[in-house]
Amino acid sequence: MKYKPITDMTDQEIEFLWKDIFQINKIISIERNIEENEIEVSFETTWGDGTDDDPYFEMEDTITMYSDGFSNVDFSINEEDKLKYRQYMIAKGYSMYWKNNPYVAEVKYENL
């Protein structure tokens, strides 16, 4: 595996990630900043528990993605969600942990 800039992520990868972590309803926009190696994602999600005191409502929010973290949003994020984000970025090669890492062995596939 080699390091890939986060801006190489496909829209499908971004949508999968945020639906998995925050159960978002839909992505509104995705803007890539190649110079800063970051992605700004606007999305819609549902809040509330559906009761009269706390009815469901649609909320829009924006998050900025970095290779090993993301900006704060207007709601709480637990440590498990942060861990899932880091795991995904490492697994897909977008984490800075891959960049110029002398400990990453190059795998050679012979006789397969």
PDB file of N, CA and C in Angstrom:
ATOM      1  N   MET A   1       0.857  -1.174   0.000  1.00  0.00           N
ATOM      2  CA  MET A   1       0.000   0.000   0.000  1.00  0.00           C
ATOM      3  C   MET A   1       0.896   1.228   0.000  1.00  0.00           C
ATOM      4  N   LYS A   2       0.495   2.201  -0.754  1.00  0.00           N
ATOM      5  CA  LYS A   2       1.212   3.466  -0.786  1.00  0.00           C
ATOM      6  C   LYS A   2       0.265   4.590  -0.413  1.00  0.00           C
ATOM      7  N   TYR A   3       0.838   5.661   0.083  1.00  0.00           N
ATOM      8  CA  TYR A   3       0.071   6.838   0.462  1.00  0.00           C
ATOM      9  C   TYR A   3      -0.602   7.457  -0.755  1.00  0.00           C
ATOM     10  N   LYS A   4      -1.860   7.864  -0.568  1.00  0.00           N
ATOM     11  CA  LYS A   4      -2.605   8.588  -1.590  1.00  0.00           C
ATOM     12  C   LYS A   4      -3.142   9.865  -0.956  1.00  0.00           C
ATOM     13  N   PRO A   5      -3.091  10.991  -1.661  1.00  0.00           N
ATOM     14  CA  PRO A   5      -3.674  12.216  -1.106  1.00  0.00           C
ATOM     15  C   PRO A   5      -5.170  12.017  -0.869  1.00  0.00           C
ATOM     16  N   ILE A   6      -5.666  12.614   0.185  1.00  0.00           N
ATOM     17  CA  ILE A   6      -7.081  12.471   0.527  1.00  0.00           C
ATOM     18  C   ILE A   6      -7.978  12.978  -0.604  1.00  0.00           C
ATOM     19  N   THR A   7      -7.491  13.933  -1.365  1.00  0.00           N
ATOM     20  CA  THR A   7      -8.309  14.473  -2.455  1.00  0.00           C
ATOM     21  C   THR A   7      -8.506  13.473  -3.588  1.00  0.00           C
ATOM     22  N   ASP A   8      -7.809  12.339  -3.544  1.00  0.00           N
ATOM     23  CA  ASP A   8      -8.023  11.265  -4.513  1.00  0.00           C
ATOM     24  C   ASP A   8      -9.226  10.395  -4.154  1.00  0.00           C
ATOM     25  N   MET A   9      -9.798  10.597  -2.974  1.00  0.00           N
ATOM     26  CA  MET A   9     -10.964   9.800  -2.583  1.00  0.00           C
ATOM     27  C   MET A   9     -12.091  10.018  -3.579  1.00  0.00           C
ATOM     28  N   THR A  10     -12.802   8.942  -3.883  1.00  0.00           N
ATOM     29  CA  THR A  10     -13.956   9.058  -4.761  1.00  0.00           C
ATOM     30  C   THR A  10     -15.165   9.547  -3.959  1.00  0.00           C
ATOM     31  N   ASP A  11     -16.138  10.069  -4.663  1.00  0.00           N
ATOM     32  CA  ASP A  11     -17.375  10.483  -3.999  1.00  0.00           C
ATOM     33  C   ASP A  11     -18.022   9.291  -3.295  1.00  0.00           C
ATOM     34  N   GLN A  12     -17.932   8.118  -3.891  1.00  0.00           N
ATOM     35  CA  GLN A  12     -18.524   6.918  -3.299  1.00  0.00           C
ATOM     36  C   GLN A  12     -17.820   6.550  -1.993  1.00  0.00           C
ATOM     37  N   GLU A  13     -16.498   6.678  -1.938  1.00  0.00           N
ATOM     38  CA  GLU A  13     -15.773   6.394  -0.697  1.00  0.00           C
ATOM     39  C   GLU A  13     -16.179   7.372   0.401  1.00  0.00           C
ATOM     40  N   ILE A  14     -16.298   8.632   0.046  1.00  0.00           N
ATOM     41  CA  ILE A  14     -16.677   9.659   1.017  1.00  0.00           C
ATOM     42  C   ILE A  14     -18.086   9.397   1.548  1.00  0.00           C
ATOM     43  N   GLU A  15     -19.001   9.110   0.646  1.00  0.00           N
ATOM     44  CA  GLU A  15     -20.378   8.843   1.063  1.00  0.00           C
ATOM     45  C   GLU A  15     -20.456   7.607   1.956  1.00  0.00           C
ATOM     46  N   PHE A  16     -19.758   6.538   1.585  1.00  0.00           N
ATOM     47  CA  PHE A  16     -19.743   5.327   2.405  1.00  0.00           C
ATOM     48  C   PHE A  16     -19.242   5.626   3.817  1.00  0.00           C
ATOM     49  N   LEU A  17     -18.129   6.352   3.908  1.00  0.00           N
ATOM     50  CA  LEU A  17     -17.522   6.665   5.199  1.00  0.00           C
ATOM     51  C   LEU A  17     -18.486   7.411   6.113  1.00  0.00           C
ATOM     52  N   TRP A  18     -19.090   8.483   5.610  1.00  0.00           N
ATOM     53  CA  TRP A  18     -19.951   9.298   6.464  1.00  0.00           C
ATOM     54  C   TRP A  18     -21.286   8.638   6.758  1.00  0.00           C
ATOM     55  N   LYS A  19     -21.780   7.834   5.858  1.00  0.00           N
ATOM     56  CA  LYS A  19     -23.005   7.086   6.169  1.00  0.00           C
ATOM     57  C   LYS A  19     -22.723   6.042   7.243  1.00  0.00           C
ATOM     58  N   ASP A  20     -21.531   5.470   7.221  1.00  0.00           N
ATOM     59  CA  ASP A  20     -21.162   4.472   8.218  1.00  0.00           C
ATOM     60  C   ASP A  20     -20.948   5.101   9.592  1.00  0.00           C
ATOM     61  N   ILE A  21     -20.304   6.251   9.641  1.00  0.00           N
ATOM     62  CA  ILE A  21     -19.993   6.876  10.928  1.00  0.00           C
ATOM     63  C   ILE A  21     -21.188   7.632  11.508  1.00  0.00           C
ATOM     64  N   PHE A  22     -21.811   8.504  10.704  1.00  0.00           N
ATOM     65  CA  PHE A  22     -22.866   9.386  11.223  1.00  0.00           C
ATOM     66  C   PHE A  22     -24.270   9.036  10.758  1.00  0.00           C
ATOM     67  N   GLN A  23     -24.427   8.001   9.957  1.00  0.00           N
ATOM     68  CA  GLN A  23     -25.726   7.633   9.415  1.00  0.00           C
ATOM     69  C   GLN A  23     -26.411   8.845   8.746  1.00  0.00           C
ATOM     70  N   ILE A  24     -25.647   9.572   7.939  1.00  0.00           N
ATOM     71  CA  ILE A  24     -26.190  10.742   7.267  1.00  0.00           C
ATOM     72  C   ILE A  24     -27.252  10.331   6.254  1.00  0.00           C
ATOM     73  N   ASN A  25     -28.157  11.262   5.960  1.00  0.00           N
ATOM     74  CA  ASN A  25     -29.212  10.990   4.981  1.00  0.00           C
ATOM     75  C   ASN A  25     -28.692  11.123   3.559  1.00  0.00           C
ATOM     76  N   LYS A  26     -27.975  12.230   3.312  1.00  0.00           N
ATOM     77  CA  LYS A  26     -27.446  12.438   1.972  1.00  0.00           C
ATOM     78  C   LYS A  26     -26.302  13.442   2.004  1.00  0.00           C
ATOM     79  N   ILE A  27     -25.447  13.324   1.006  1.00  0.00           N
ATOM     80  CA  ILE A  27     -24.366  14.284   0.797  1.00  0.00           C
ATOM     81  C   ILE A  27     -24.930  15.418  -0.041  1.00  0.00           C
ATOM     82  N   ILE A  28     -24.703  16.647   0.396  1.00  0.00           N
ATOM     83  CA  ILE A  28     -25.172  17.811  -0.354  1.00  0.00           C
ATOM     84  C   ILE A  28     -24.102  18.278  -1.327  1.00  0.00           C
ATOM     85  N   SER A  29     -22.855  18.348  -0.841  1.00  0.00           N
ATOM     86  CA  SER A  29     -21.759  18.756  -1.726  1.00  0.00           C
ATOM     87  C   SER A  29     -20.433  18.213  -1.207  1.00  0.00           C
ATOM     88  N   ILE A  30     -19.492  18.070  -2.140  1.00  0.00           N
ATOM     89  CA  ILE A  30     -18.129  17.637  -1.832  1.00  0.00           C
ATOM     90  C   ILE A  30     -17.195  18.583  -2.564  1.00  0.00           C
ATOM     91  N   GLU A  31     -16.327  19.258  -1.804  1.00  0.00           N
ATOM     92  CA  GLU A  31     -15.369  20.183  -2.407  1.00  0.00           C
ATOM     93  C   GLU A  31     -13.966  19.779  -1.987  1.00  0.00           C
ATOM     94  N   ARG A  32     -13.129  19.517  -2.983  1.00  0.00           N
ATOM     95  CA  ARG A  32     -11.751  19.106  -2.728  1.00  0.00           C
ATOM     96  C   ARG A  32     -10.808  20.303  -2.828  1.00  0.00           C
ATOM     97  N   ASN A  33      -9.922  20.441  -1.846  1.00  0.00           N
ATOM     98  CA  ASN A  33      -8.891  21.474  -1.858  1.00  0.00           C
ATOM     99  C   ASN A  33      -7.557  20.736  -2.018  1.00  0.00           C
ATOM    100  N   ILE A  34      -7.098  20.660  -3.255  1.00  0.00           N
ATOM    101  CA  ILE A  34      -5.891  19.893  -3.562  1.00  0.00           C
ATOM    102  C   ILE A  34      -4.664  20.500  -2.896  1.00  0.00           C
ATOM    103  N   GLU A  35      -4.568  21.826  -2.880  1.00  0.00           N
ATOM    104  CA  GLU A  35      -3.398  22.493  -2.291  1.00  0.00           C
ATOM    105  C   GLU A  35      -3.255  22.190  -0.809  1.00  0.00           C
ATOM    106  N   GLU A  36      -4.356  22.144  -0.087  1.00  0.00           N
ATOM    107  CA  GLU A  36      -4.325  21.891   1.357  1.00  0.00           C
ATOM    108  C   GLU A  36      -4.531  20.411   1.704  1.00  0.00           C
ATOM    109  N   ASN A  37      -4.795  19.582   0.694  1.00  0.00           N
ATOM    110  CA  ASN A  37      -5.071  18.166   0.887  1.00  0.00           C
ATOM    111  C   ASN A  37      -6.185  17.951   1.908  1.00  0.00           C
ATOM    112  N   GLU A  38      -7.342  18.554   1.618  1.00  0.00           N
ATOM    113  CA  GLU A  38      -8.501  18.403   2.485  1.00  0.00           C
ATOM    114  C   GLU A  38      -9.771  18.400   1.640  1.00  0.00           C
ATOM    115  N   ILE A  39     -10.837  17.892   2.231  1.00  0.00           N
ATOM    116  CA  ILE A  39     -12.122  17.811   1.553  1.00  0.00           C
ATOM    117  C   ILE A  39     -13.187  18.371   2.485  1.00  0.00           C
ATOM    118  N   GLU A  40     -14.025  19.239   1.958  1.00  0.00           N
ATOM    119  CA  GLU A  40     -15.147  19.781   2.721  1.00  0.00           C
ATOM    120  C   GLU A  40     -16.415  19.088   2.238  1.00  0.00           C
ATOM    121  N   VAL A  41     -17.131  18.469   3.178  1.00  0.00           N
ATOM    122  CA  VAL A  41     -18.332  17.712   2.853  1.00  0.00           C
ATOM    123  C   VAL A  41     -19.513  18.336   3.593  1.00  0.00           C
ATOM    124  N   SER A  42     -20.538  18.697   2.834  1.00  0.00           N
ATOM    125  CA  SER A  42     -21.795  19.159   3.419  1.00  0.00           C
ATOM    126  C   SER A  42     -22.785  18.012   3.310  1.00  0.00           C
ATOM    127  N   PHE A  43     -23.526  17.792   4.389  1.00  0.00           N
ATOM    128  CA  PHE A  43     -24.450  16.666   4.400  1.00  0.00           C
ATOM    129  C   PHE A  43     -25.691  17.002   5.206  1.00  0.00           C
ATOM    130  N   GLU A  44     -26.694  16.140   5.077  1.00  0.00           N
ATOM    131  CA  GLU A  44     -27.952  16.283   5.806  1.00  0.00           C
ATOM    132  C   GLU A  44     -28.130  15.057   6.682  1.00  0.00           C
ATOM    133  N   THR A  45     -28.565  15.290   7.892  1.00  0.00           N
ATOM    134  CA  THR A  45     -28.810  14.189   8.822  1.00  0.00           C
ATOM    135  C   THR A  45     -30.090  14.484   9.599  1.00  0.00           C
ATOM    136  N   THR A  46     -30.621  13.505  10.294  1.00  0.00           N
ATOM    137  CA  THR A  46     -31.852  13.654  11.066  1.00  0.00           C
ATOM    138  C   THR A  46     -31.521  13.618  12.548  1.00  0.00           C
ATOM    139  N   TRP A  47     -32.100  14.539  13.290  1.00  0.00           N
ATOM    140  CA  TRP A  47     -31.916  14.602  14.739  1.00  0.00           C
ATOM    141  C   TRP A  47     -33.262  14.491  15.427  1.00  0.00           C
ATOM    142  N   GLY A  48     -33.228  14.205  16.694  1.00  0.00           N
ATOM    143  CA  GLY A  48     -34.441  14.071  17.499  1.00  0.00           C
ATOM    144  C   GLY A  48     -34.772  12.611  17.707  1.00  0.00           C
ATOM    145  N   ASP A  49     -35.667  12.375  18.684  1.00  0.00           N
ATOM    146  CA  ASP A  49     -36.041  10.975  18.946  1.00  0.00           C
ATOM    147  C   ASP A  49     -37.462  10.653  18.492  1.00  0.00           C
ATOM    148  N   GLY A  50     -38.103  11.605  17.810  1.00  0.00           N
ATOM    149  CA  GLY A  50     -39.425  11.356  17.242  1.00  0.00           C
ATOM    150  C   GLY A  50     -40.587  11.545  18.193  1.00  0.00           C
ATOM    151  N   THR A  51     -40.319  12.054  19.388  1.00  0.00           N
ATOM    152  CA  THR A  51     -41.399  12.300  20.345  1.00  0.00           C
ATOM    153  C   THR A  51     -41.923  13.725  20.184  1.00  0.00           C
ATOM    154  N   ASP A  52     -43.029  14.031  20.883  1.00  0.00           N
ATOM    155  CA  ASP A  52     -43.567  15.397  20.840  1.00  0.00           C
ATOM    156  C   ASP A  52     -42.575  16.399  21.425  1.00  0.00           C
ATOM    157  N   ASP A  53     -41.845  15.989  22.463  1.00  0.00           N
ATOM    158  CA  ASP A  53     -40.865  16.872  23.092  1.00  0.00           C
ATOM    159  C   ASP A  53     -39.591  17.026  22.267  1.00  0.00           C
ATOM    160  N   ASP A  54     -39.282  16.021  21.453  1.00  0.00           N
ATOM    161  CA  ASP A  54     -38.047  16.030  20.656  1.00  0.00           C
ATOM    162  C   ASP A  54     -38.331  15.443  19.266  1.00  0.00           C
ATOM    163  N   PRO A  55     -39.085  16.174  18.459  1.00  0.00           N
ATOM    164  CA  PRO A  55     -39.456  15.632  17.140  1.00  0.00           C
ATOM    165  C   PRO A  55     -38.252  15.526  16.209  1.00  0.00           C
ATOM    166  N   TYR A  56     -38.393  14.668  15.209  1.00  0.00           N
ATOM    167  CA  TYR A  56     -37.355  14.560  14.188  1.00  0.00           C
ATOM    168  C   TYR A  56     -37.248  15.874  13.424  1.00  0.00           C
ATOM    169  N   PHE A  57     -36.030  16.256  13.066  1.00  0.00           N
ATOM    170  CA  PHE A  57     -35.843  17.385  12.160  1.00  0.00           C
ATOM    171  C   PHE A  57     -34.580  17.172  11.349  1.00  0.00           C
ATOM    172  N   GLU A  58     -34.616  17.690  10.139  1.00  0.00           N
ATOM    173  CA  GLU A  58     -33.476  17.582   9.236  1.00  0.00           C
ATOM    174  C   GLU A  58     -32.486  18.689   9.573  1.00  0.00           C
ATOM    175  N   MET A  59     -31.202  18.353   9.580  1.00  0.00           N
ATOM    176  CA  MET A  59     -30.167  19.330   9.887  1.00  0.00           C
ATOM    177  C   MET A  59     -29.055  19.212   8.858  1.00  0.00           C
ATOM    178  N   GLU A  60     -28.559  20.349   8.403  1.00  0.00           N
ATOM    179  CA  GLU A  60     -27.412  20.361   7.503  1.00  0.00           C
ATOM    180  C   GLU A  60     -26.171  20.735   8.296  1.00  0.00           C
ATOM    181  N   ASP A  61     -25.055  20.116   7.942  1.00  0.00           N
ATOM    182  CA  ASP A  61     -23.791  20.428   8.585  1.00  0.00           C
ATOM    183  C   ASP A  61     -22.680  20.238   7.574  1.00  0.00           C
ATOM    184  N   THR A  62     -21.523  20.796   7.886  1.00  0.00           N
ATOM    185  CA  THR A  62     -20.353  20.678   7.025  1.00  0.00           C
ATOM    186  C   THR A  62     -19.180  20.228   7.870  1.00  0.00           C
ATOM    187  N   ILE A  63     -18.389  19.346   7.297  1.00  0.00           N
ATOM    188  CA  ILE A  63     -17.214  18.831   7.985  1.00  0.00           C
ATOM    189  C   ILE A  63     -16.027  18.914   7.028  1.00  0.00           C
ATOM    190  N   THR A  64     -14.866  19.247   7.557  1.00  0.00           N
ATOM    191  CA  THR A  64     -13.656  19.256   6.737  1.00  0.00           C
ATOM    192  C   THR A  64     -12.832  18.036   7.090  1.00  0.00           C
ATOM    193  N   MET A  65     -12.519  17.251   6.069  1.00  0.00           N
ATOM    194  CA  MET A  65     -11.767  16.014   6.249  1.00  0.00           C
ATOM    195  C   MET A  65     -10.281  16.271   6.016  1.00  0.00           C
ATOM    196  N   TYR A  66      -9.462  15.743   6.904  1.00  0.00           N
ATOM    197  CA  TYR A  66      -8.012  15.750   6.767  1.00  0.00           C
ATOM    198  C   TYR A  66      -7.560  14.293   6.728  1.00  0.00           C
ATOM    199  N   SER A  67      -6.310  14.049   6.414  1.00  0.00           N
ATOM    200  CA  SER A  67      -5.867  12.668   6.271  1.00  0.00           C
ATOM    201  C   SER A  67      -6.024  11.852   7.554  1.00  0.00           C
ATOM    202  N   ASP A  68      -5.850  12.458   8.708  1.00  0.00           N
ATOM    203  CA  ASP A  68      -5.930  11.693   9.954  1.00  0.00           C
ATOM    204  C   ASP A  68      -6.908  12.275  10.971  1.00  0.00           C
ATOM    205  N   GLY A  69      -7.845  13.075  10.512  1.00  0.00           N
ATOM    206  CA  GLY A  69      -8.845  13.635  11.401  1.00  0.00           C
ATOM    207  C   GLY A  69      -9.818  14.493  10.625  1.00  0.00           C
ATOM    208  N   PHE A  70     -10.743  15.104  11.346  1.00  0.00           N
ATOM    209  CA  PHE A  70     -11.722  15.963  10.703  1.00  0.00           C
ATOM    210  C   PHE A  70     -12.119  17.076  11.656  1.00  0.00           C
ATOM    211  N   SER A  71     -12.670  18.145  11.088  1.00  0.00           N
ATOM    212  CA  SER A  71     -13.061  19.301  11.898  1.00  0.00           C
ATOM    213  C   SER A  71     -14.282  18.962  12.740  1.00  0.00           C
ATOM    214  N   ASN A  72     -14.482  19.753  13.762  1.00  0.00           N
ATOM    215  CA  ASN A  72     -15.651  19.561  14.608  1.00  0.00           C
ATOM    216  C   ASN A  72     -16.915  19.953  13.866  1.00  0.00           C
ATOM    217  N   VAL A  73     -17.982  19.271  14.190  1.00  0.00           N
ATOM    218  CA  VAL A  73     -19.296  19.581  13.647  1.00  0.00           C
ATOM    219  C   VAL A  73     -20.153  20.125  14.780  1.00  0.00           C
ATOM    220  N   ASP A  74     -21.398  20.445  14.486  1.00  0.00           N
ATOM    221  CA  ASP A  74     -22.274  21.046  15.485  1.00  0.00           C
ATOM    222  C   ASP A  74     -22.916  20.043  16.432  1.00  0.00           C
ATOM    223  N   PHE A  75     -22.430  18.831  16.434  1.00  0.00           N
ATOM    224  CA  PHE A  75     -22.960  17.818  17.345  1.00  0.00           C
ATOM    225  C   PHE A  75     -21.803  17.012  17.913  1.00  0.00           C
ATOM    226  N   SER A  76     -22.078  16.251  18.941  1.00  0.00           N
ATOM    227  CA  SER A  76     -20.992  15.528  19.615  1.00  0.00           C
ATOM    228  C   SER A  76     -20.531  14.333  18.791  1.00  0.00           C
ATOM    229  N   ILE A  77     -19.242  14.073  18.885  1.00  0.00           N
ATOM    230  CA  ILE A  77     -18.620  12.946  18.198  1.00  0.00           C
ATOM    231  C   ILE A  77     -17.905  12.127  19.259  1.00  0.00           C
ATOM    232  N   ASN A  78     -18.180  10.846  19.293  1.00  0.00           N
ATOM    233  CA  ASN A  78     -17.532  10.026  20.315  1.00  0.00           C
ATOM    234  C   ASN A  78     -16.199   9.475  19.800  1.00  0.00           C
ATOM    235  N   GLU A  79     -15.426   8.933  20.699  1.00  0.00           N
ATOM    236  CA  GLU A  79     -14.089   8.427  20.364  1.00  0.00           C
ATOM    237  C   GLU A  79     -14.150   7.257  19.391  1.00  0.00           C
ATOM    238  N   GLU A  80     -15.196   6.457  19.475  1.00  0.00           N
ATOM    239  CA  GLU A  80     -15.349   5.328  18.545  1.00  0.00           C
ATOM    240  C   GLU A  80     -15.493   5.824  17.103  1.00  0.00           C
ATOM    241  N   ASP A  81     -16.239   6.920  16.901  1.00  0.00           N
ATOM    242  CA  ASP A  81     -16.395   7.496  15.563  1.00  0.00           C
ATOM    243  C   ASP A  81     -15.061   8.027  15.032  1.00  0.00           C
ATOM    244  N   LYS A  82     -14.293   8.654  15.910  1.00  0.00           N
ATOM    245  CA  LYS A  82     -12.977   9.156  15.503  1.00  0.00           C
ATOM    246  C   LYS A  82     -12.052   8.005  15.128  1.00  0.00           C
ATOM    247  N   LEU A  83     -12.121   6.923  15.893  1.00  0.00           N
ATOM    248  CA  LEU A  83     -11.301   5.744  15.609  1.00  0.00           C
ATOM    249  C   LEU A  83     -11.696   5.124  14.269  1.00  0.00           C
ATOM    250  N   LYS A  84     -12.997   5.001  14.010  1.00  0.00           N
ATOM    251  CA  LYS A  84     -13.458   4.436  12.742  1.00  0.00           C
ATOM    252  C   LYS A  84     -12.943   5.265  11.570  1.00  0.00           C
ATOM    253  N   TYR A  85     -12.939   6.575  11.725  1.00  0.00           N
ATOM    254  CA  TYR A  85     -12.432   7.453  10.665  1.00  0.00           C
ATOM    255  C   TYR A  85     -10.951   7.157  10.400  1.00  0.00           C
ATOM    256  N   ARG A  86     -10.156   7.120  11.456  1.00  0.00           N
ATOM    257  CA  ARG A  86      -8.715   6.854  11.297  1.00  0.00           C
ATOM    258  C   ARG A  86      -8.474   5.472  10.692  1.00  0.00           C
ATOM    259  N   GLN A  87      -9.226   4.473  11.143  1.00  0.00           N
ATOM    260  CA  GLN A  87      -9.072   3.126  10.604  1.00  0.00           C
ATOM    261  C   GLN A  87      -9.361   3.098   9.109  1.00  0.00           C
ATOM    262  N   TYR A  88     -10.410   3.769   8.693  1.00  0.00           N
ATOM    263  CA  TYR A  88     -10.774   3.806   7.278  1.00  0.00           C
ATOM    264  C   TYR A  88      -9.676   4.475   6.460  1.00  0.00           C
ATOM    265  N   MET A  89      -9.187   5.613   6.945  1.00  0.00           N
ATOM    266  CA  MET A  89      -8.168   6.350   6.205  1.00  0.00           C
ATOM    267  C   MET A  89      -6.872   5.548   6.084  1.00  0.00           C
ATOM    268  N   ILE A  90      -6.495   4.842   7.143  1.00  0.00           N
ATOM    269  CA  ILE A  90      -5.292   4.008   7.093  1.00  0.00           C
ATOM    270  C   ILE A  90      -5.522   2.833   6.140  1.00  0.00           C
ATOM    271  N   ALA A  91      -6.657   2.174   6.265  1.00  0.00           N
ATOM    272  CA  ALA A  91      -6.942   0.996   5.449  1.00  0.00           C
ATOM    273  C   ALA A  91      -6.968   1.312   3.960  1.00  0.00           C
ATOM    274  N   LYS A  92      -7.410   2.512   3.597  1.00  0.00           N
ATOM    275  CA  LYS A  92      -7.528   2.887   2.187  1.00  0.00           C
ATOM    276  C   LYS A  92      -6.288   3.597   1.642  1.00  0.00           C
ATOM    277  N   GLY A  93      -5.303   3.881   2.509  1.00  0.00           N
ATOM    278  CA  GLY A  93      -4.060   4.504   2.051  1.00  0.00           C
ATOM    279  C   GLY A  93      -4.060   6.021   2.076  1.00  0.00           C
ATOM    280  N   TYR A  94      -5.076   6.647   2.676  1.00  0.00           N
ATOM    281  CA  TYR A  94      -5.164   8.105   2.693  1.00  0.00           C
ATOM    282  C   TYR A  94      -4.528   8.733   3.931  1.00  0.00           C
ATOM    283  N   SER A  95      -4.120   7.932   4.878  1.00  0.00           N
ATOM    284  CA  SER A  95      -3.521   8.432   6.113  1.00  0.00           C
ATOM    285  C   SER A  95      -2.077   8.862   5.877  1.00  0.00           C
ATOM    286  N   MET A  96      -1.663   9.910   6.583  1.00  0.00           N
ATOM    287  CA  MET A  96      -0.278  10.366   6.507  1.00  0.00           C
ATOM    288  C   MET A  96       0.682   9.317   7.067  1.00  0.00           C
ATOM    289  N   TYR A  97       0.157   8.327   7.805  1.00  0.00           N
ATOM    290  CA  TYR A  97       1.011   7.257   8.313  1.00  0.00           C
ATOM    291  C   TYR A  97       1.667   6.476   7.178  1.00  0.00           C
ATOM    292  N   TRP A  98       1.096   6.514   5.995  1.00  0.00           N
ATOM    293  CA  TRP A  98       1.661   5.821   4.840  1.00  0.00           C
ATOM    294  C   TRP A  98       2.719   6.655   4.124  1.00  0.00           C
ATOM    295  N   LYS A  99       2.662   7.973   4.275  1.00  0.00           N
ATOM    296  CA  LYS A  99       3.526   8.858   3.485  1.00  0.00           C
ATOM    297  C   LYS A  99       4.979   8.757   3.952  1.00  0.00           C
ATOM    298  N   ASN A 100       5.862   8.420   3.027  1.00  0.00           N
ATOM    299  CA  ASN A 100       7.301   8.312   3.282  1.00  0.00           C
ATOM    300  C   ASN A 100       7.624   7.451   4.500  1.00  0.00           C
ATOM    301  N   ASN A 101       6.850   6.414   4.723  1.00  0.00           N
ATOM    302  CA  ASN A 101       7.046   5.543   5.876  1.00  0.00           C
ATOM    303  C   ASN A 101       8.090   4.482   5.530  1.00  0.00           C
ATOM    304  N   PRO A 102       9.260   4.514   6.188  1.00  0.00           N
ATOM    305  CA  PRO A 102      10.319   3.555   5.851  1.00  0.00           C
ATOM    306  C   PRO A 102      10.008   2.136   6.326  1.00  0.00           C
ATOM    307  N   TYR A 103       8.981   1.962   7.126  1.00  0.00           N
ATOM    308  CA  TYR A 103       8.661   0.650   7.664  1.00  0.00           C
ATOM    309  C   TYR A 103       7.630  -0.112   6.845  1.00  0.00           C
ATOM    310  N   VAL A 104       7.090   0.523   5.829  1.00  0.00           N
ATOM    311  CA  VAL A 104       6.119  -0.145   4.969  1.00  0.00           C
ATOM    312  C   VAL A 104       6.882  -1.002   3.968  1.00  0.00           C
ATOM    313  N   ALA A 105       6.643  -2.279   4.035  1.00  0.00           N
ATOM    314  CA  ALA A 105       7.319  -3.207   3.128  1.00  0.00           C
ATOM    315  C   ALA A 105       6.556  -3.278   1.813  1.00  0.00           C
ATOM    316  N   GLU A 106       7.297  -3.321   0.726  1.00  0.00           N
ATOM    317  CA  GLU A 106       6.674  -3.470  -0.572  1.00  0.00           C
ATOM    318  C   GLU A 106       6.457  -4.956  -0.821  1.00  0.00           C
ATOM    319  N   VAL A 107       5.229  -5.316  -1.111  1.00  0.00           N
ATOM    320  CA  VAL A 107       4.881  -6.711  -1.329  1.00  0.00           C
ATOM    321  C   VAL A 107       5.062  -7.052  -2.799  1.00  0.00           C
ATOM    322  N   LYS A 108       5.722  -8.163  -3.053  1.00  0.00           N
ATOM    323  CA  LYS A 108       5.902  -8.632  -4.433  1.00  0.00           C
ATOM    324  C   LYS A 108       5.057  -9.895  -4.606  1.00  0.00           C
ATOM    325  N   TYR A 109       4.255  -9.868  -5.648  1.00  0.00           N
ATOM    326  CA  TYR A 109       3.387 -11.009  -5.917  1.00  0.00           C
ATOM    327  C   TYR A 109       4.012 -11.844  -7.042  1.00  0.00           C
ATOM    328  N   GLU A 110       4.539 -12.993  -6.670  1.00  0.00           N
ATOM    329  CA  GLU A 110       5.154 -13.876  -7.636  1.00  0.00           C
ATOM    330  C   GLU A 110       4.440 -15.227  -7.613  1.00  0.00           C
ATOM    331  N   ASN A 111       4.359 -15.820  -8.743  1.00  0.00           N
ATOM    332  CA  ASN A 111       3.770 -17.156  -8.895  1.00  0.00           C
ATOM    333  C   ASN A 111       2.340 -17.244  -8.382  1.00  0.00           C
ATOM    334  N   LEU A 112       1.561 -16.248  -8.656  1.00  0.00           N
ATOM    335  CA  LEU A 112       0.148 -16.307  -8.227  1.00  0.00           C
ATOM    336  C   LEU A 112      -0.721 -16.772  -9.345  1.00  0.00           C
TER     337      LEU A 112
END
